[in-house]
Protein backbone atom coordinates (compact mmCIF):
# COMPACT_ATOMS: atom_id res chain seq x y z
CA UNK A 1 136.53 74.71 108.23
CA UNK A 2 134.76 71.61 109.32
CA UNK A 3 131.62 70.46 107.96
CA UNK A 4 129.42 68.92 109.95
CA UNK A 5 128.11 64.97 109.19
CA UNK A 6 124.58 63.83 108.04
CA UNK A 7 122.96 60.94 109.65
CA UNK A 8 119.37 59.76 108.91
CA UNK A 9 116.96 57.16 107.89
CA UNK A 10 115.76 56.33 104.36
CA UNK A 11 112.43 54.57 103.53
CA UNK A 12 112.44 52.55 100.00
CA UNK A 13 109.11 52.40 99.21
CA UNK A 14 107.01 51.27 95.78
CA UNK A 15 104.95 48.74 94.04
CA UNK A 16 105.96 45.15 94.04
CA UNK A 17 108.83 44.28 91.47
CA UNK A 18 110.20 47.88 91.02
CA UNK A 19 113.40 46.87 91.96
CA UNK A 20 113.58 48.06 95.69
CA UNK A 21 115.48 45.30 96.90
CA UNK A 22 118.29 45.46 93.86
CA UNK A 23 118.36 49.06 94.89
CA UNK A 24 119.21 48.49 98.26
CA UNK A 25 121.89 45.54 97.39
CA UNK A 26 123.43 48.04 94.55
CA UNK A 27 123.63 50.72 97.25
CA UNK A 28 124.79 49.07 100.20
CA UNK A 29 127.58 46.95 97.99
CA UNK A 30 126.66 43.61 99.25
CA UNK A 31 123.69 41.01 98.80
CA UNK A 32 121.32 42.07 101.74
CA UNK A 33 117.59 41.33 100.39
CA UNK A 34 116.33 38.55 98.57
CA UNK A 35 115.71 39.22 94.93
CA UNK A 36 113.21 37.16 92.28
CA UNK A 37 111.46 37.84 89.30
CA UNK A 38 108.10 37.24 91.44
CA UNK A 39 106.61 40.08 93.67
CA UNK A 40 106.86 40.41 97.49
CA UNK A 41 109.90 38.42 97.90
CA UNK A 42 110.45 40.94 100.47
CA UNK A 43 108.45 40.64 103.60
CA UNK A 44 109.89 42.46 106.48
CA UNK A 45 111.93 45.93 106.46
CA UNK A 46 115.73 44.96 105.37
CA UNK A 47 118.13 47.47 106.66
CA UNK A 48 121.21 48.34 105.20
CA UNK A 49 123.81 50.88 106.05
CA UNK A 50 125.93 53.15 103.89
CA UNK A 51 128.90 55.17 105.56
CA UNK A 52 130.59 57.96 103.82
CA UNK A 53 132.57 60.96 104.58
CA UNK A 54 129.19 62.92 104.42
CA UNK A 55 127.95 60.76 107.28
CA UNK A 56 125.48 57.56 107.15
CA UNK A 57 122.78 56.49 105.73
CA UNK A 58 120.21 53.82 107.19
CA UNK A 59 118.32 52.33 104.31
CA UNK A 60 114.84 50.86 105.28
CA UNK A 61 113.77 48.32 102.38
CA UNK A 62 109.99 47.76 102.46
CA UNK A 63 107.77 45.07 101.00
CA UNK A 64 105.87 46.01 97.84
CA UNK A 65 102.62 48.11 98.44
CA UNK A 66 99.57 45.92 98.03
CA UNK A 67 96.06 45.12 99.11
CA UNK A 68 96.53 42.26 101.92
CA UNK A 69 94.74 39.39 101.66
CA UNK A 70 95.84 37.92 105.31
CA UNK A 71 96.97 38.65 108.70
CA UNK A 72 100.75 38.41 107.07
CA UNK A 73 99.80 40.95 104.34
CA UNK A 74 98.29 43.29 107.08
CA UNK A 75 101.36 42.95 109.04
CA UNK A 76 103.57 43.92 105.74
CA UNK A 77 101.25 46.83 105.42
CA UNK A 78 101.75 47.86 108.73
CA UNK A 79 105.97 47.51 108.20
CA UNK A 80 105.60 49.94 105.19
CA UNK A 81 103.45 52.59 107.09
CA UNK A 82 105.71 52.29 110.30
CA UNK A 83 108.89 52.87 108.01
CA UNK A 84 107.11 55.95 106.10
CA UNK A 85 106.35 57.64 109.41
CA UNK A 86 109.74 57.07 111.08
CA UNK A 87 112.07 58.09 108.03
CA UNK A 88 113.93 61.26 107.27
CA UNK A 89 113.75 60.69 103.83
CA UNK A 90 111.44 58.46 101.15
CA UNK A 91 112.61 57.16 97.71
CA UNK A 92 109.15 56.28 96.03
CA UNK A 93 110.71 53.81 93.36
CA UNK A 94 108.79 53.50 90.12
CA UNK A 95 109.94 51.72 86.63
CA UNK A 96 109.54 54.14 83.52
CA UNK A 97 106.05 54.15 82.12
CA UNK A 98 102.99 55.62 82.67
CA UNK A 99 101.94 56.07 86.47
CA UNK A 100 100.11 53.22 87.86
CA UNK A 101 96.58 52.95 88.98
CA UNK A 102 97.74 52.17 92.64
CA UNK A 103 99.66 55.27 93.05
CA UNK A 104 97.48 58.27 94.40
CA UNK A 105 97.19 55.52 97.17
CA UNK A 106 100.42 55.62 97.93
CA UNK A 107 100.52 59.53 97.45
CA UNK A 108 98.24 59.64 99.96
CA UNK A 109 100.29 57.76 102.37
CA UNK A 110 103.17 59.98 101.94
CA UNK A 111 101.55 63.40 101.90
CA UNK A 112 100.12 62.35 105.05
CA UNK A 113 103.45 61.57 106.70
CA UNK A 114 105.04 65.02 105.26
CA UNK A 115 108.47 63.56 104.47
CA UNK A 116 110.71 64.61 101.70
CA UNK A 117 110.69 62.26 98.90
CA UNK A 118 112.97 61.47 95.87
CA UNK A 119 111.37 59.58 92.77
CA UNK A 120 113.87 57.11 91.78
CA UNK A 121 112.81 55.85 88.28
CA UNK A 122 114.98 52.24 88.31
CA UNK A 123 115.87 49.66 86.15
CA UNK A 124 116.63 52.29 83.17
CA UNK A 125 119.18 49.99 81.63
CA UNK A 126 116.12 47.87 80.45
CA UNK A 127 114.16 50.80 78.72
CA UNK A 128 114.85 53.09 75.75
CA UNK A 129 115.72 56.45 76.75
CA UNK A 130 112.87 58.00 75.09
CA UNK A 131 110.55 56.43 77.10
CA UNK A 132 112.12 57.80 80.44
CA UNK A 133 111.79 61.48 80.30
CA UNK A 134 107.72 61.11 79.86
CA UNK A 135 107.90 58.91 83.02
CA UNK A 136 109.44 61.74 84.98
CA UNK A 137 106.85 64.09 83.47
CA UNK A 138 104.16 62.26 84.23
CA UNK A 139 105.15 61.92 87.70
CA UNK A 140 106.49 65.25 87.93
CA UNK A 141 102.83 66.36 87.49
CA UNK A 142 101.62 63.89 90.24
CA UNK A 143 103.43 65.02 93.52
CA UNK A 144 106.28 67.29 94.55
CA UNK A 145 108.90 65.42 94.62
CA UNK A 146 112.09 67.00 95.98
CA UNK A 147 113.99 65.53 93.00
CA UNK A 148 113.59 62.72 90.34
CA UNK A 149 116.45 60.55 89.30
CA UNK A 150 116.76 57.81 86.81
CA UNK A 151 119.29 55.01 88.01
CA UNK A 152 120.35 51.58 87.21
CA UNK A 153 121.40 49.26 90.06
CA UNK A 154 122.56 46.95 87.63
CA UNK A 155 125.18 49.21 85.74
CA UNK A 156 125.59 51.77 88.74
CA UNK A 157 124.11 54.50 86.63
CA UNK A 158 123.47 57.33 89.00
CA UNK A 159 123.74 56.07 91.99
CA UNK A 160 126.67 58.24 93.11
CA UNK A 161 124.11 61.20 92.32
CA UNK A 162 121.17 59.89 94.11
CA UNK A 163 123.46 59.45 97.57
CA UNK A 164 124.72 62.82 97.15
CA UNK A 165 121.22 63.97 96.85
CA UNK A 166 120.22 61.87 99.80
CA UNK A 167 122.61 63.91 102.18
CA UNK A 168 121.31 66.80 101.43
CA UNK A 169 117.65 66.08 103.08
CA UNK A 170 118.94 64.12 106.09
CA UNK A 171 119.23 65.70 109.58
CA UNK A 172 122.98 66.72 110.95
CA UNK A 173 124.51 64.10 113.17
CA UNK A 174 127.09 61.73 114.19
CA UNK A 175 126.91 58.00 112.77
CA UNK A 176 124.54 55.79 114.60
CA UNK A 177 126.93 52.46 113.68
CA UNK A 178 130.44 51.48 113.30
CA UNK A 179 131.84 52.35 109.62
CA UNK A 180 132.36 48.84 108.18
CA UNK A 181 128.78 47.70 109.73
CA UNK A 182 126.41 47.23 106.39
CA UNK A 183 123.31 46.12 108.58
CA UNK A 184 122.57 46.10 112.29
CA UNK A 185 120.30 42.97 111.60
CA UNK A 186 121.61 39.39 112.61
CA UNK A 187 123.11 36.68 110.36
CA UNK A 188 120.32 34.40 111.05
CA UNK A 189 117.79 37.12 109.52
CA UNK A 190 119.86 37.12 106.17
CA UNK A 191 119.87 33.47 105.89
CA UNK A 192 116.31 33.27 106.26
CA UNK A 193 115.67 35.39 103.39
CA UNK A 194 118.44 33.75 101.18
CA UNK A 195 116.86 30.41 101.94
CA UNK A 196 113.21 32.30 100.94
CA UNK A 197 114.67 33.93 97.90
CA UNK A 198 115.84 30.49 96.54
CA UNK A 199 112.06 29.29 97.10
CA UNK A 200 110.58 32.31 95.07
CA UNK A 201 113.21 31.56 92.82
CA UNK A 202 113.02 27.75 92.14
CA UNK A 203 109.04 26.94 92.95
CA UNK A 204 105.80 27.83 90.79
CA UNK A 205 103.75 30.51 91.16
CA UNK A 206 101.70 30.03 94.13
CA UNK A 207 104.00 28.10 96.48
CA UNK A 208 106.54 30.48 97.52
CA UNK A 209 103.73 33.09 98.89
CA UNK A 210 102.82 29.85 101.50
CA UNK A 211 106.13 29.76 102.92
CA UNK A 212 108.03 30.98 105.88
CA UNK A 213 111.63 29.91 107.29
CA UNK A 214 112.82 29.18 110.74
CA UNK A 215 116.21 29.13 111.65
CA UNK A 216 116.31 26.10 114.17
CA UNK A 217 119.98 25.83 114.64
CA UNK A 218 123.32 28.13 114.16
CA UNK A 219 126.32 26.44 115.29
CA UNK A 220 130.00 27.67 114.31
CA UNK A 221 132.84 25.07 114.69
CA UNK A 222 136.76 25.93 113.82
CA UNK A 223 136.28 25.22 110.18
CA UNK A 224 132.33 25.03 109.21
CA UNK A 225 129.12 26.43 110.48
CA UNK A 226 125.82 24.14 110.73
CA UNK A 227 122.87 25.45 109.96
CA UNK A 228 119.53 23.64 110.38
CA UNK A 229 116.49 25.35 109.16
CA UNK A 230 112.71 24.66 108.70
CA UNK A 231 110.57 25.48 105.73
CA UNK A 232 107.09 26.11 106.74
CA UNK A 233 104.25 25.81 104.43
CA UNK A 234 100.45 25.52 104.66
CA UNK A 235 99.43 22.27 102.95
CA UNK A 236 100.36 19.08 102.27
CA UNK A 237 100.59 19.31 98.96
CA UNK A 238 102.92 22.37 99.06
CA UNK A 239 105.39 20.20 101.25
CA UNK A 240 105.43 17.59 98.60
CA UNK A 241 106.53 20.23 95.81
CA UNK A 242 108.99 21.93 97.97
CA UNK A 243 110.61 18.33 98.80
CA UNK A 244 110.16 17.25 95.24
CA UNK A 245 110.52 13.74 93.40
CA UNK A 246 113.47 11.86 95.43
CA UNK A 247 113.89 15.18 97.15
CA UNK A 248 115.30 16.74 94.23
CA UNK A 249 113.71 20.27 94.71
CA UNK A 250 114.72 21.09 98.64
CA UNK A 251 118.50 19.76 97.52
CA UNK A 252 118.60 22.48 94.90
CA UNK A 253 117.39 24.88 97.10
CA UNK A 254 119.59 23.82 99.70
CA UNK A 255 122.71 23.91 97.48
CA UNK A 256 121.76 27.37 96.00
CA UNK A 257 121.12 28.77 99.25
CA UNK A 258 124.38 27.04 100.82
CA UNK A 259 126.38 29.17 98.12
CA UNK A 260 125.04 32.62 98.94
CA UNK A 261 125.07 31.78 102.57
CA UNK A 262 128.89 30.73 102.33
CA UNK A 263 129.62 34.09 100.43
CA UNK A 264 127.87 36.13 103.22
CA UNK A 265 129.65 34.55 106.21
CA UNK A 266 132.96 33.94 104.28
CA UNK A 267 133.22 30.09 105.71
CA UNK A 268 132.20 26.76 105.27
CA UNK A 269 128.59 26.03 105.44
CA UNK A 270 126.42 22.32 106.04
CA UNK A 271 123.20 23.81 105.48
CA UNK A 272 120.26 21.20 106.45
CA UNK A 273 116.31 21.90 105.57
CA UNK A 274 113.53 20.28 106.42
CA UNK A 275 109.68 21.11 105.65
CA UNK A 276 106.79 21.31 108.28
CA UNK A 277 103.12 22.09 107.36
CA UNK A 278 101.32 24.42 109.36
CA UNK A 279 98.02 24.81 108.73
CA UNK A 280 96.90 28.49 107.60
CA UNK A 281 99.68 30.19 109.49
CA UNK A 282 99.36 33.21 107.25
CA UNK A 283 96.20 33.82 109.49
CA UNK A 284 97.27 32.65 112.91
CA UNK A 285 98.06 35.59 114.88
CA UNK A 286 100.17 33.33 117.59
CA UNK A 287 101.86 31.52 115.06
CA UNK A 288 102.77 34.84 113.10
CA UNK A 289 104.26 36.19 116.44
CA UNK A 290 106.46 32.83 116.81
CA UNK A 291 107.65 33.21 113.11
CA UNK A 292 108.99 36.76 113.91
CA UNK A 293 105.97 38.62 112.14
CA UNK A 294 105.08 40.98 115.05
């Protein structure tokens, strides 16, 4: 007796800093999405593909739900909404503890979409077990979830169960991508994400939120790949901070990014970074489109 395969799209949604990108990376088994302790490291939707005998899951990792302050923020909220509407299944990611004040707003969005939702309680390795059960009970009272699964992306705890449950709610269908493919996004996209992640990790609070990254050149030679990238900032002071005294900051960002990019590409990389000021770029629709936020 042959079993039909399942294929579908799973939207990973939730507030900032609940571990959505860490979860995506753990499920796919590769570092696709940038991670930092600061919220809103993810801006666009990062797509990861997992292929199993049961079928294929295309994960859509979204920015954290927030109240936008500029055109970039509006675009990010639009990306979340499109994901909610287009996905076959949603993961609503939370950390153990009481429901958050913004949760009802998220529940309204997912109720309106009418999609099945699994509550994924993340980072359970960081909390005592007695705190996890009340969190599950609290959320269970708030919304009719199809399942409630506590997981740890760090230890891998319950990730297999989460994936098995996921296939239960996906439609029947043949895989859309090759079995060894982990994303349909270009290498340039992930290189930009890696550089942005390093800025978020290494720079002070407000600076990372004013930056974007553009890959100006990507040239593969026999033994090395040459990458030239520009970091966009909003103000002259931010440019000075990113460069740092005697170029120290940009050198550290470049070194850390190059190591991750070499791991991603599996070859030697020469990475050169520049910094360019574009005043108020997050509010300029034309510039946002040029930077790929469209």
